[in-house]
PDB file of N, CA and C in Angstrom:
ATOM      1  N   MET A   1      -6.178 185.981  76.156  1.00  0.00           N
ATOM      2  CA  MET A   1      -6.394 187.087  77.431  1.00  0.00           C
ATOM      3  C   MET A   1      -5.708 187.312  77.848  1.00  0.00           C
ATOM      4  N   LEU A   2      -6.127 188.765  78.801  1.00  0.00           N
ATOM      5  CA  LEU A   2      -4.809 190.114  79.185  1.00  0.00           C
ATOM      6  C   LEU A   2      -4.748 189.014  80.400  1.00  0.00           C
ATOM      7  N   LEU A   3      -3.700 189.776  80.870  1.00  0.00           N
ATOM      8  CA  LEU A   3      -3.094 189.137  82.383  1.00  0.00           C
ATOM      9  C   LEU A   3      -3.153 190.542  83.339  1.00  0.00           C
ATOM     10  N   ARG A   4      -3.996 190.193  83.968  1.00  0.00           N
ATOM     11  CA  ARG A   4      -3.793 191.466  84.835  1.00  0.00           C
ATOM     12  C   ARG A   4      -3.389 191.119  86.813  1.00  0.00           C
ATOM     13  N   SER A   5      -3.004 192.198  87.019  1.00  0.00           N
ATOM     14  CA  SER A   5      -3.042 191.785  87.855  1.00  0.00           C
ATOM     15  C   SER A   5      -3.767 192.473  89.190  1.00  0.00           C
ATOM     16  N   VAL A   6      -5.045 192.963  89.064  1.00  0.00           N
ATOM     17  CA  VAL A   6      -6.462 193.482  89.256  1.00  0.00           C
ATOM     18  C   VAL A   6      -7.693 192.415  89.253  1.00  0.00           C
ATOM     19  N   PRO A   7      -8.245 192.295  89.685  1.00  0.00           N
ATOM     20  CA  PRO A   7      -9.332 191.157  89.733  1.00  0.00           C
ATOM     21  C   PRO A   7     -10.055 191.943  88.913  1.00  0.00           C
ATOM     22  N   PRO A   8     -11.459 190.986  87.934  1.00  0.00           N
ATOM     23  CA  PRO A   8     -12.329 191.640  87.829  1.00  0.00           C
ATOM     24  C   PRO A   8     -13.161 192.127  88.884  1.00  0.00           C
ATOM     25  N   GLU A   9     -13.667 192.642  88.031  1.00  0.00           N
ATOM     26  CA  GLU A   9     -14.992 193.696  89.585  1.00  0.00           C
ATOM     27  C   GLU A   9     -16.043 192.348  89.708  1.00  0.00           C
ATOM     28  N   HIS A  10     -17.019 191.974  88.107  1.00  0.00           N
ATOM     29  CA  HIS A  10     -17.940 191.165  89.052  1.00  0.00           C
ATOM     30  C   HIS A  10     -16.970 189.905  89.749  1.00  0.00           C
ATOM     31  N   MET A  11     -15.944 189.009  89.589  1.00  0.00           N
ATOM     32  CA  MET A  11     -15.849 188.081  90.617  1.00  0.00           C
ATOM     33  C   MET A  11     -16.158 187.924  92.023  1.00  0.00           C
ATOM     34  N   PRO A  12     -16.652 186.950  92.929  1.00  0.00           N
ATOM     35  CA  PRO A  12     -17.203 186.721  94.073  1.00  0.00           C
ATOM     36  C   PRO A  12     -16.022 187.045  94.709  1.00  0.00           C
ATOM     37  N   LYS A  13     -16.124 187.165  95.970  1.00  0.00           N
ATOM     38  CA  LYS A  13     -15.008 187.412  97.319  1.00  0.00           C
ATOM     39  C   LYS A  13     -15.296 186.446  97.828  1.00  0.00           C
ATOM     40  N   MET A  14     -14.310 186.042  98.570  1.00  0.00           N
ATOM     41  CA  MET A  14     -14.140 185.082  98.827  1.00  0.00           C
ATOM     42  C   MET A  14     -14.518 185.778 100.899  1.00  0.00           C
ATOM     43  N   PRO A  15     -15.045 185.074 101.864  1.00  0.00           N
ATOM     44  CA  PRO A  15     -15.432 185.813 102.584  1.00  0.00           C
ATOM     45  C   PRO A  15     -14.173 185.514 103.771  1.00  0.00           C
ATOM     46  N   ARG A  16     -14.128 186.521 104.240  1.00  0.00           N
ATOM     47  CA  ARG A  16     -13.310 186.995 105.123  1.00  0.00           C
ATOM     48  C   ARG A  16     -12.351 186.495 106.139  1.00  0.00           C
ATOM     49  N   GLY A  17     -11.558 185.390 106.908  1.00  0.00           N
ATOM     50  CA  GLY A  17     -11.558 184.876 107.560  1.00  0.00           C
ATOM     51  C   GLY A  17     -10.950 183.109 107.136  1.00  0.00           C
ATOM     52  N   TRP A  18     -11.254 182.906 105.707  1.00  0.00           N
ATOM     53  CA  TRP A  18     -11.369 181.568 105.060  1.00  0.00           C
ATOM     54  C   TRP A  18     -10.132 181.435 104.546  1.00  0.00           C
ATOM     55  N   GLY A  19      -9.511 181.967 104.157  1.00  0.00           N
ATOM     56  CA  GLY A  19      -7.906 181.621 104.111  1.00  0.00           C
ATOM     57  C   GLY A  19      -7.332 180.892 104.714  1.00  0.00           C
ATOM     58  N   TRP A  20      -7.046 180.955 105.841  1.00  0.00           N
ATOM     59  CA  TRP A  20      -6.121 180.596 106.636  1.00  0.00           C
ATOM     60  C   TRP A  20      -6.302 178.876 106.343  1.00  0.00           C
ATOM     61  N   GLN A  21      -7.950 179.128 106.771  1.00  0.00           N
ATOM     62  CA  GLN A  21      -8.157 177.573 107.050  1.00  0.00           C
ATOM     63  C   GLN A  21      -8.375 176.794 106.113  1.00  0.00           C
ATOM     64  N   ILE A  22      -8.557 177.309 104.796  1.00  0.00           N
ATOM     65  CA  ILE A  22      -8.235 176.399 103.401  1.00  0.00           C
ATOM     66  C   ILE A  22      -6.777 175.846 103.531  1.00  0.00           C
ATOM     67  N   LYS A  23      -5.640 177.166 103.462  1.00  0.00           N
ATOM     68  CA  LYS A  23      -4.657 176.768 103.528  1.00  0.00           C
ATOM     69  C   LYS A  23      -4.531 175.708 104.462  1.00  0.00           C
ATOM     70  N   LEU A  24      -4.840 176.024 104.997  1.00  0.00           N
ATOM     71  CA  LEU A  24      -4.424 174.496 106.549  1.00  0.00           C
ATOM     72  C   LEU A  24      -4.957 173.730 106.453  1.00  0.00           C
ATOM     73  N   GLY A  25      -5.812 173.323 105.566  1.00  0.00           N
ATOM     74  CA  GLY A  25      -6.111 172.108 105.328  1.00  0.00           C
ATOM     75  C   GLY A  25      -5.784 171.458 104.195  1.00  0.00           C
ATOM     76  N   CYS A  26      -5.133 172.121 102.923  1.00  0.00           N
ATOM     77  CA  CYS A  26      -4.522 171.151 102.159  1.00  0.00           C
ATOM     78  C   CYS A  26      -3.176 171.189 102.429  1.00  0.00           C
ATOM     79  N   LEU A  27      -2.613 171.872 103.294  1.00  0.00           N
ATOM     80  CA  LEU A  27      -1.061 171.592 104.179  1.00  0.00           C
ATOM     81  C   LEU A  27      -1.782 170.228 104.849  1.00  0.00           C
ATOM     82  N   ALA A  28      -3.024 169.688 105.687  1.00  0.00           N
ATOM     83  CA  ALA A  28      -2.794 168.233 106.330  1.00  0.00           C
ATOM     84  C   ALA A  28      -3.230 168.111 104.794  1.00  0.00           C
ATOM     85  N   ALA A  29      -4.045 167.518 104.375  1.00  0.00           N
ATOM     86  CA  ALA A  29      -4.020 167.269 102.816  1.00  0.00           C
ATOM     87  C   ALA A  29      -3.116 166.476 102.763  1.00  0.00           C
ATOM     88  N   LEU A  30      -1.832 167.212 102.069  1.00  0.00           N
ATOM     89  CA  LEU A  30      -0.850 166.966 101.373  1.00  0.00           C
ATOM     90  C   LEU A  30       0.332 166.062 102.206  1.00  0.00           C
ATOM     91  N   MET A  31       0.115 167.302 103.813  1.00  0.00           N
ATOM     92  CA  MET A  31       1.141 165.667 104.713  1.00  0.00           C
ATOM     93  C   MET A  31       0.417 164.983 104.776  1.00  0.00           C
ATOM     94  N   ALA A  32      -0.530 164.218 105.256  1.00  0.00           N
ATOM     95  CA  ALA A  32      -1.960 162.578 105.263  1.00  0.00           C
ATOM     96  C   ALA A  32      -1.351 162.595 103.781  1.00  0.00           C
ATOM     97  N   LEU A  33      -1.229 163.081 102.667  1.00  0.00           N
ATOM     98  CA  LEU A  33      -0.803 161.780 101.716  1.00  0.00           C
ATOM     99  C   LEU A  33       0.957 161.728 101.575  1.00  0.00           C
ATOM    100  N   TYR A  34       1.436 162.268 101.732  1.00  0.00           N
ATOM    101  CA  TYR A  34       2.848 161.804 101.904  1.00  0.00           C
ATOM    102  C   TYR A  34       3.328 161.592 103.081  1.00  0.00           C
ATOM    103  N   GLY A  35       2.718 161.396 104.219  1.00  0.00           N
ATOM    104  CA  GLY A  35       3.010 160.343 105.166  1.00  0.00           C
ATOM    105  C   GLY A  35       2.246 158.929 104.963  1.00  0.00           C
ATOM    106  N   GLY A  36       1.166 159.174 104.189  1.00  0.00           N
ATOM    107  CA  GLY A  36       0.479 157.913 104.100  1.00  0.00           C
ATOM    108  C   GLY A  36       1.960 156.859 102.837  1.00  0.00           C
ATOM    109  N   PHE A  37       2.237 157.569 101.942  1.00  0.00           N
ATOM    110  CA  PHE A  37       2.794 157.076 101.335  1.00  0.00           C
ATOM    111  C   PHE A  37       4.551 156.572 102.006  1.00  0.00           C
ATOM    112  N   MET A  38       5.473 157.855 102.210  1.00  0.00           N
ATOM    113  CA  MET A  38       6.230 157.098 103.488  1.00  0.00           C
ATOM    114  C   MET A  38       5.862 155.973 104.067  1.00  0.00           C
ATOM    115  N   TRP A  39       4.810 155.856 104.781  1.00  0.00           N
ATOM    116  CA  TRP A  39       4.413 154.484 105.528  1.00  0.00           C
ATOM    117  C   TRP A  39       4.656 153.150 104.414  1.00  0.00           C
ATOM    118  N   HIS A  40       3.833 153.471 103.691  1.00  0.00           N
ATOM    119  CA  HIS A  40       3.339 152.094 102.707  1.00  0.00           C
ATOM    120  C   HIS A  40       4.968 151.950 102.124  1.00  0.00           C
ATOM    121  N   VAL A  41       6.328 152.821 101.636  1.00  0.00           N
ATOM    122  CA  VAL A  41       7.231 152.534 100.882  1.00  0.00           C
ATOM    123  C   VAL A  41       7.976 151.927 101.686  1.00  0.00           C
ATOM    124  N   THR A  42       8.086 152.409 103.370  1.00  0.00           N
ATOM    125  CA  THR A  42       9.086 152.435 104.638  1.00  0.00           C
ATOM    126  C   THR A  42       8.732 150.828 104.793  1.00  0.00           C
ATOM    127  N   HIS A  43       7.186 150.488 105.126  1.00  0.00           N
ATOM    128  CA  HIS A  43       6.724 149.224 105.276  1.00  0.00           C
ATOM    129  C   HIS A  43       7.070 147.665 104.886  1.00  0.00           C
ATOM    130  N   GLN A  44       7.144 147.974 102.694  1.00  0.00           N
ATOM    131  CA  GLN A  44       6.170 147.024 102.325  1.00  0.00           C
ATOM    132  C   GLN A  44       7.339 146.035 102.282  1.00  0.00           C
ATOM    133  N   LYS A  45       7.156 144.989 102.133  1.00  0.00           N
ATOM    134  CA  LYS A  45       7.771 144.152 101.951  1.00  0.00           C
ATOM    135  C   LYS A  45       8.415 143.294 100.760  1.00  0.00           C
ATOM    136  N   ILE A  46      10.111 143.485 100.780  1.00  0.00           N
ATOM    137  CA  ILE A  46       9.624 143.147  98.947  1.00  0.00           C
ATOM    138  C   ILE A  46      11.068 142.251  99.471  1.00  0.00           C
ATOM    139  N   ARG A  47      10.588 140.895  99.009  1.00  0.00           N
ATOM    140  CA  ARG A  47      10.626 139.478  99.055  1.00  0.00           C
ATOM    141  C   ARG A  47      12.406 139.118  97.336  1.00  0.00           C
ATOM    142  N   PRO A  48      13.094 138.880  98.531  1.00  0.00           N
ATOM    143  CA  PRO A  48      14.396 138.695  96.824  1.00  0.00           C
ATOM    144  C   PRO A  48      14.058 137.470  96.198  1.00  0.00           C
ATOM    145  N   VAL A  49      13.933 137.284  94.988  1.00  0.00           N
ATOM    146  CA  VAL A  49      14.324 136.407  94.295  1.00  0.00           C
ATOM    147  C   VAL A  49      15.411 135.826  93.797  1.00  0.00           C
ATOM    148  N   MET A  50      15.088 134.777  94.529  1.00  0.00           N
ATOM    149  CA  MET A  50      16.709 133.895  94.615  1.00  0.00           C
ATOM    150  C   MET A  50      17.013 132.575  93.409  1.00  0.00           C
ATOM    151  N   GLU A  51      16.728 133.022  92.303  1.00  0.00           N
ATOM    152  CA  GLU A  51      16.709 132.242  91.161  1.00  0.00           C
ATOM    153  C   GLU A  51      18.458 132.634  90.872  1.00  0.00           C
ATOM    154  N   ARG A  52      19.160 131.552  90.180  1.00  0.00           N
ATOM    155  CA  ARG A  52      20.480 131.053  89.408  1.00  0.00           C
ATOM    156  C   ARG A  52      20.798 132.218  88.402  1.00  0.00           C
ATOM    157  N   VAL A  53      20.771 132.838  87.310  1.00  0.00           N
ATOM    158  CA  VAL A  53      21.664 133.318  86.523  1.00  0.00           C
ATOM    159  C   VAL A  53      23.119 132.945  85.644  1.00  0.00           C
ATOM    160  N   ASP A  54      22.335 132.000  84.977  1.00  0.00           N
ATOM    161  CA  ASP A  54      24.043 131.683  84.149  1.00  0.00           C
ATOM    162  C   ASP A  54      24.358 133.099  82.522  1.00  0.00           C
ATOM    163  N   ILE A  55      25.107 133.400  82.539  1.00  0.00           N
ATOM    164  CA  ILE A  55      25.532 134.346  82.004  1.00  0.00           C
ATOM    165  C   ILE A  55      26.446 133.443  81.241  1.00  0.00           C
ATOM    166  N   PRO A  56      26.142 133.094  79.915  1.00  0.00           N
ATOM    167  CA  PRO A  56      27.621 132.464  78.399  1.00  0.00           C
ATOM    168  C   PRO A  56      28.100 132.996  78.394  1.00  0.00           C
ATOM    169  N   VAL A  57      29.311 132.905  78.212  1.00  0.00           N
ATOM    170  CA  VAL A  57      30.904 133.551  78.009  1.00  0.00           C
ATOM    171  C   VAL A  57      31.260 132.495  76.942  1.00  0.00           C
ATOM    172  N   THR A  58      31.811 133.552  76.100  1.00  0.00           N
ATOM    173  CA  THR A  58      32.559 132.844  75.285  1.00  0.00           C
ATOM    174  C   THR A  58      33.796 133.651  75.099  1.00  0.00           C
ATOM    175  N   ILE A  59      35.110 133.203  75.280  1.00  0.00           N
ATOM    176  CA  ILE A  59      36.806 133.516  74.682  1.00  0.00           C
ATOM    177  C   ILE A  59      37.035 133.681  73.470  1.00  0.00           C
ATOM    178  N   VAL A  60      37.132 135.408  73.202  1.00  0.00           N
ATOM    179  CA  VAL A  60      37.667 135.691  71.859  1.00  0.00           C
ATOM    180  C   VAL A  60      38.412 135.549  71.091  1.00  0.00           C
ATOM    181  N   ALA A  61      39.431 135.908  72.055  1.00  0.00           N
ATOM    182  CA  ALA A  61      41.180 135.674  71.600  1.00  0.00           C
ATOM    183  C   ALA A  61      41.746 135.174  73.270  1.00  0.00           C
ATOM    184  N   PRO A  62      42.929 134.581  72.623  1.00  0.00           N
ATOM    185  CA  PRO A  62      43.499 134.204  73.684  1.00  0.00           C
ATOM    186  C   PRO A  62      44.145 135.007  74.733  1.00  0.00           C
ATOM    187  N   PRO A  63      44.967 134.994  75.821  1.00  0.00           N
ATOM    188  CA  PRO A  63      45.132 135.885  76.569  1.00  0.00           C
ATOM    189  C   PRO A  63      46.797 136.379  76.380  1.00  0.00           C
ATOM    190  N   SER A  64      47.205 137.327  76.223  1.00  0.00           N
ATOM    191  CA  SER A  64      47.785 138.244  75.639  1.00  0.00           C
ATOM    192  C   SER A  64      49.110 138.576  76.156  1.00  0.00           C
ATOM    193  N   GLN A  65      50.353 137.756  76.179  1.00  0.00           N
ATOM    194  CA  GLN A  65      51.437 138.497  77.029  1.00  0.00           C
ATOM    195  C   GLN A  65      52.105 139.287  77.748  1.00  0.00           C
ATOM    196  N   PRO A  66      52.196 138.936  79.265  1.00  0.00           N
ATOM    197  CA  PRO A  66      52.539 140.553  79.481  1.00  0.00           C
ATOM    198  C   PRO A  66      53.368 141.165  79.802  1.00  0.00           C
ATOM    199  N   ALA A  67      53.181 142.490  78.923  1.00  0.00           N
ATOM    200  CA  ALA A  67      54.287 143.629  78.249  1.00  0.00           C
ATOM    201  C   ALA A  67      55.780 143.538  79.233  1.00  0.00           C
ATOM    202  N   PRO A  68      57.040 143.401  78.924  1.00  0.00           N
ATOM    203  CA  PRO A  68      58.140 142.918  79.503  1.00  0.00           C
ATOM    204  C   PRO A  68      58.469 144.705  80.522  1.00  0.00           C
ATOM    205  N   PRO A  69      59.418 144.312  81.277  1.00  0.00           N
ATOM    206  CA  PRO A  69      59.797 145.105  82.074  1.00  0.00           C
ATOM    207  C   PRO A  69      60.545 146.257  82.075  1.00  0.00           C
ATOM    208  N   ALA A  70      59.463 147.703  81.989  1.00  0.00           N
ATOM    209  CA  ALA A  70      60.029 148.276  81.866  1.00  0.00           C
ATOM    210  C   ALA A  70      61.775 149.179  82.551  1.00  0.00           C
ATOM    211  N   PRO A  71      62.370 149.689  81.134  1.00  0.00           N
ATOM    212  CA  PRO A  71      64.196 149.671  81.478  1.00  0.00           C
ATOM    213  C   PRO A  71      64.336 150.809  82.288  1.00  0.00           C
ATOM    214  N   SER A  72      65.492 150.918  83.603  1.00  0.00           N
ATOM    215  CA  SER A  72      65.590 151.810  84.578  1.00  0.00           C
ATOM    216  C   SER A  72      65.225 153.152  84.096  1.00  0.00           C
ATOM    217  N   ILE A  73      65.034 154.646  85.054  1.00  0.00           N
ATOM    218  CA  ILE A  73      65.617 155.164  84.917  1.00  0.00           C
ATOM    219  C   ILE A  73      66.340 156.010  85.671  1.00  0.00           C
ATOM    220  N   THR A  74      67.533 156.765  84.937  1.00  0.00           N
ATOM    221  CA  THR A  74      68.805 157.413  85.775  1.00  0.00           C
ATOM    222  C   THR A  74      68.333 158.008  86.135  1.00  0.00           C
ATOM    223  N   MET A  75      68.818 158.739  86.906  1.00  0.00           N
ATOM    224  CA  MET A  75      68.515 160.053  87.668  1.00  0.00           C
ATOM    225  C   MET A  75      69.603 160.941  86.986  1.00  0.00           C
ATOM    226  N   LEU A  76      69.472 162.375  86.310  1.00  0.00           N
ATOM    227  CA  LEU A  76      70.685 162.776  85.919  1.00  0.00           C
ATOM    228  C   LEU A  76      70.286 164.136  87.334  1.00  0.00           C
ATOM    229  N   PRO A  77      72.066 164.422  87.717  1.00  0.00           N
ATOM    230  CA  PRO A  77      72.250 165.940  88.490  1.00  0.00           C
ATOM    231  C   PRO A  77      71.464 166.912  88.211  1.00  0.00           C
ATOM    232  N   PRO A  78      71.568 167.608  89.212  1.00  0.00           N
ATOM    233  CA  PRO A  78      70.237 168.492  89.258  1.00  0.00           C
ATOM    234  C   PRO A  78      71.460 169.897  88.024  1.00  0.00           C
ATOM    235  N   PRO A  79      70.794 170.810  87.142  1.00  0.00           N
ATOM    236  CA  PRO A  79      71.744 172.014  86.580  1.00  0.00           C
ATOM    237  C   PRO A  79      71.873 173.042  87.858  1.00  0.00           C
ATOM    238  N   PRO A  80      72.677 173.113  87.586  1.00  0.00           N
ATOM    239  CA  PRO A  80      73.979 174.228  88.638  1.00  0.00           C
ATOM    240  C   PRO A  80      72.633 175.817  89.005  1.00  0.00           C
ATOM    241  N   LEU A  81      72.537 176.267  90.364  1.00  0.00           N
ATOM    242  CA  LEU A  81      71.534 177.513  90.717  1.00  0.00           C
ATOM    243  C   LEU A  81      72.679 178.747  90.286  1.00  0.00           C
ATOM    244  N   VAL A  82      72.071 179.082  89.787  1.00  0.00           N
ATOM    245  CA  VAL A  82      72.867 180.859  89.265  1.00  0.00           C
ATOM    246  C   VAL A  82      72.059 181.508  89.459  1.00  0.00           C
ATOM    247  N   ALA A  83      72.324 182.620  90.719  1.00  0.00           N
ATOM    248  CA  ALA A  83      71.460 183.548  92.262  1.00  0.00           C
ATOM    249  C   ALA A  83      72.188 184.653  91.400  1.00  0.00           C
ATOM    250  N   PRO A  84      71.186 185.408  91.325  1.00  0.00           N
ATOM    251  CA  PRO A  84      72.023 187.307  90.787  1.00  0.00           C
ATOM    252  C   PRO A  84      72.652 187.539  92.179  1.00  0.00           C
ATOM    253  N   SER A  85      73.441 188.107  92.669  1.00  0.00           N
ATOM    254  CA  SER A  85      73.694 189.168  93.739  1.00  0.00           C
ATOM    255  C   SER A  85      73.470 189.719  94.007  1.00  0.00           C
ATOM    256  N   PRO A  86      72.601 190.069  95.193  1.00  0.00           N
ATOM    257  CA  PRO A  86      71.160 191.627  95.672  1.00  0.00           C
ATOM    258  C   PRO A  86      71.975 192.825  95.634  1.00  0.00           C
ATOM    259  N   PRO A  87      71.538 193.299  94.939  1.00  0.00           N
ATOM    260  CA  PRO A  87      71.900 195.398  94.479  1.00  0.00           C
ATOM    261  C   PRO A  87      72.341 195.417  96.015  1.00  0.00           C
ATOM    262  N   ALA A  88      73.865 195.883  95.411  1.00  0.00           N
ATOM    263  CA  ALA A  88      74.033 197.222  96.493  1.00  0.00           C
ATOM    264  C   ALA A  88      73.767 199.195  96.431  1.00  0.00           C
ATOM    265  N   LEU A  89      72.766 199.652  97.307  1.00  0.00           N
ATOM    266  CA  LEU A  89      72.406 200.633  97.852  1.00  0.00           C
ATOM    267  C   LEU A  89      73.442 201.247  98.416  1.00  0.00           C
ATOM    268  N   PRO A  90      73.521 202.769  97.438  1.00  0.00           N
ATOM    269  CA  PRO A  90      74.569 203.355  97.708  1.00  0.00           C
ATOM    270  C   PRO A  90      75.444 203.725  99.467  1.00  0.00           C
ATOM    271  N   GLU A  91      73.618 204.411  99.638  1.00  0.00           N
ATOM    272  CA  GLU A  91      74.074 204.878 101.050  1.00  0.00           C
ATOM    273  C   GLU A  91      73.998 204.171 102.453  1.00  0.00           C
ATOM    274  N   ALA A  92      73.793 202.151 101.969  1.00  0.00           N
ATOM    275  CA  ALA A  92      74.078 201.680 102.859  1.00  0.00           C
ATOM    276  C   ALA A  92      75.849 201.120 102.895  1.00  0.00           C
ATOM    277  N   VAL A  93      76.462 201.331 101.647  1.00  0.00           N
ATOM    278  CA  VAL A  93      77.586 201.153 101.606  1.00  0.00           C
ATOM    279  C   VAL A  93      78.626 202.040 102.721  1.00  0.00           C
ATOM    280  N   SER A  94      77.837 203.432 102.695  1.00  0.00           N
ATOM    281  CA  SER A  94      78.515 204.351 103.388  1.00  0.00           C
ATOM    282  C   SER A  94      78.090 204.236 104.981  1.00  0.00           C
ATOM    283  N   ARG A  95      77.352 203.835 105.018  1.00  0.00           N
ATOM    284  CA  ARG A  95      77.181 203.173 107.044  1.00  0.00           C
ATOM    285  C   ARG A  95      78.230 202.206 106.973  1.00  0.00           C
ATOM    286  N   HIS A  96      78.725 201.050 106.605  1.00  0.00           N
ATOM    287  CA  HIS A  96      79.209 199.750 107.674  1.00  0.00           C
ATOM    288  C   HIS A  96      80.652 200.721 107.577  1.00  0.00           C
ATOM    289  N   PRO A  97      81.022 200.928 108.752  1.00  0.00           N
ATOM    290  CA  PRO A  97      82.989 201.139 109.224  1.00  0.00           C
ATOM    291  C   PRO A  97      83.767 200.204 108.288  1.00  0.00           C
TER     292      PRO A  97
END
């Protein structure tokens, strides 16, 4: 089948003026369906089932001993900061008295 943007010649035409009414009817039907579904979801009563559930637990291994405390961390002084001196411009030296 060829895909064409122009409908064939023998295709029946829809009467003018019905397009917006059909679209409005479809939109109203979809809104009513969605509204009914939302009303049903929000108004249904879900009864909680209060039954006790017992889960069997078996201990596979005895609990392990806690880890020993970590040794204290000794702080080292920071290394000395070595900054280069700012460059001296020749014209800036001659301006100072």
